[in-house]
Protein backbone atom coordinates (compact mmCIF):
# COMPACT_ATOMS: atom_id res chain seq x y z
CA UNK A 1 9.71 12.21 -26.36
CA UNK A 2 6.00 12.25 -25.61
CA UNK A 3 5.89 9.16 -23.42
CA UNK A 4 3.18 10.43 -21.09
CA UNK A 5 0.57 13.13 -21.42
CA UNK A 6 -2.29 14.38 -19.33
CA UNK A 7 -5.69 13.03 -20.21
CA UNK A 8 -8.82 15.01 -19.58
CA UNK A 9 -8.42 16.77 -16.27
CA UNK A 10 -11.51 16.87 -14.15
CA UNK A 11 -12.31 20.38 -13.02
CA UNK A 12 -12.75 20.99 -9.33
CA UNK A 13 -16.40 20.15 -8.78
CA UNK A 14 -18.82 19.20 -6.05
CA UNK A 15 -19.86 15.56 -5.95
CA UNK A 16 -22.01 14.31 -3.11
CA UNK A 17 -20.70 17.08 -0.82
CA UNK A 18 -17.05 16.15 -1.46
CA UNK A 19 -14.68 18.17 -3.60
CA UNK A 20 -12.80 16.53 -6.48
CA UNK A 21 -9.26 17.82 -6.91
CA UNK A 22 -6.75 17.54 -9.74
CA UNK A 23 -3.47 16.98 -7.90
CA UNK A 24 -0.49 19.11 -8.91
CA UNK A 25 1.95 16.84 -10.74
CA UNK A 26 5.61 17.13 -11.72
CA UNK A 27 6.88 14.79 -14.45
CA UNK A 28 10.59 14.04 -14.86
CA UNK A 29 12.48 11.84 -17.29
CA UNK A 30 15.57 9.74 -16.59
CA UNK A 31 17.35 7.45 -19.05
CA UNK A 32 15.39 4.49 -17.64
CA UNK A 33 12.01 5.86 -16.52
CA UNK A 34 9.38 8.55 -16.32
CA UNK A 35 8.76 9.74 -12.75
CA UNK A 36 5.57 11.45 -11.59
CA UNK A 37 5.36 13.27 -8.26
CA UNK A 38 1.79 14.14 -7.25
CA UNK A 39 0.75 16.30 -4.31
CA UNK A 40 -1.96 14.43 -2.42
CA UNK A 41 -1.88 15.77 1.15
CA UNK A 42 -3.95 13.83 3.63
CA UNK A 43 -4.25 10.71 1.44
CA UNK A 44 -2.97 7.46 2.89
CA UNK A 45 -1.89 4.49 0.81
CA UNK A 46 -5.04 2.61 1.85
CA UNK A 47 -7.14 5.34 0.22
CA UNK A 48 -5.37 5.17 -3.15
CA UNK A 49 -6.42 3.31 -6.28
CA UNK A 50 -3.90 3.21 -9.14
CA UNK A 51 -4.51 1.18 -12.28
CA UNK A 52 -3.79 1.02 -16.00
CA UNK A 53 -6.66 0.48 -18.41
CA UNK A 54 -6.21 0.61 -22.19
CA UNK A 55 -3.00 2.68 -22.13
CA UNK A 56 -4.46 5.05 -19.54
CA UNK A 57 -2.95 5.45 -16.07
CA UNK A 58 -5.76 6.25 -13.62
CA UNK A 59 -5.10 7.61 -10.14
CA UNK A 60 -7.85 8.04 -7.53
CA UNK A 61 -7.30 8.98 -3.92
CA UNK A 62 -9.51 10.09 -1.09
CA UNK A 63 -9.16 11.93 2.16
CA UNK A 64 -11.00 10.12 4.91
CA UNK A 65 -13.26 12.21 7.14
CA UNK A 66 -12.16 11.06 10.56
CA UNK A 67 -13.64 13.94 12.54
CA UNK A 68 -14.93 13.11 15.99
CA UNK A 69 -17.46 15.91 16.16
CA UNK A 70 -18.97 18.88 14.42
CA UNK A 71 -16.51 21.05 12.55
CA UNK A 72 -16.36 24.53 14.06
CA UNK A 73 -13.73 25.92 11.69
CA UNK A 74 -11.85 24.26 8.82
CA UNK A 75 -9.20 25.40 6.37
CA UNK A 76 -8.27 21.94 5.16
CA UNK A 77 -10.54 20.58 2.49
CA UNK A 78 -11.85 17.04 2.40
CA UNK A 79 -12.34 15.39 -0.94
CA UNK A 80 -11.09 13.08 -3.63
CA UNK A 81 -8.19 13.32 -6.05
CA UNK A 82 -8.49 12.19 -9.64
CA UNK A 83 -5.99 12.30 -12.49
CA UNK A 84 -5.48 10.35 -15.73
CA UNK A 85 -2.51 10.10 -18.07
CA UNK A 86 -2.11 8.53 -21.52
CA UNK A 87 0.84 6.15 -21.69
CA UNK A 88 2.73 5.68 -24.93
CA UNK A 89 4.14 2.37 -26.15
CA UNK A 90 7.57 3.71 -25.11
CA UNK A 91 6.68 2.84 -21.51
CA UNK A 92 6.49 -0.60 -19.89
CA UNK A 93 3.04 -0.72 -18.28
CA UNK A 94 4.03 -3.84 -16.35
CA UNK A 95 6.83 -1.99 -14.56
CA UNK A 96 5.15 0.76 -12.57
CA UNK A 97 6.19 1.33 -8.96
CA UNK A 98 4.29 3.53 -6.51
CA UNK A 99 5.30 4.99 -3.16
CA UNK A 100 3.74 7.55 -0.83
CA UNK A 101 5.79 9.79 1.43
CA UNK A 102 4.77 12.99 3.26
CA UNK A 103 1.68 13.52 1.10
CA UNK A 104 3.51 13.03 -2.20
CA UNK A 105 2.68 10.08 -4.43
CA UNK A 106 5.64 9.01 -6.57
CA UNK A 107 5.04 6.79 -9.60
CA UNK A 108 8.04 5.42 -11.50
CA UNK A 109 7.19 4.04 -14.94
CA UNK A 110 10.00 2.10 -16.60
CA UNK A 111 10.79 2.81 -20.23
CA UNK A 112 10.46 -0.05 -22.67
CA UNK A 113 13.79 -1.66 -23.52
CA UNK A 114 13.45 -0.56 -27.16
CA UNK A 115 13.74 3.15 -26.22
CA UNK A 116 16.47 2.96 -23.58
CA UNK A 117 19.86 4.20 -24.69
CA UNK A 118 22.33 1.40 -25.17
CA UNK A 119 26.03 1.36 -25.82
CA UNK A 120 27.25 -0.35 -28.99
CA UNK A 121 30.44 -2.32 -28.49
CA UNK A 122 33.15 -2.02 -31.13
CA UNK A 123 35.10 -5.12 -32.00
CA UNK A 124 38.67 -5.05 -33.29
CA UNK A 125 39.65 -7.03 -36.38
């Protein structure tokens, strides 16, 4: 089933002195949903924007620069995350749940009722 697929992935680029990252994403399927786990370290839920436009799931997140002084040495990168996915009609775009825990964004997209497995009852005559 090709319920979700990656749209154009933005390469890592410089934009106004901030990097743009494509977050690593794992996609799993259950009988009822498609689940995406995206690595977005340093991004808080207040710095996330998740929306669906014309069958495209768009995820934007940013790492706030909360430094109190000049950076003397840095190994952590500041920047923005961006990723897009095409959603098939097999998914219910009105039933998307998002949660953020320990730098991992989890999106659960419910499958449309028409594609969920269902048991057929047998009646006796």
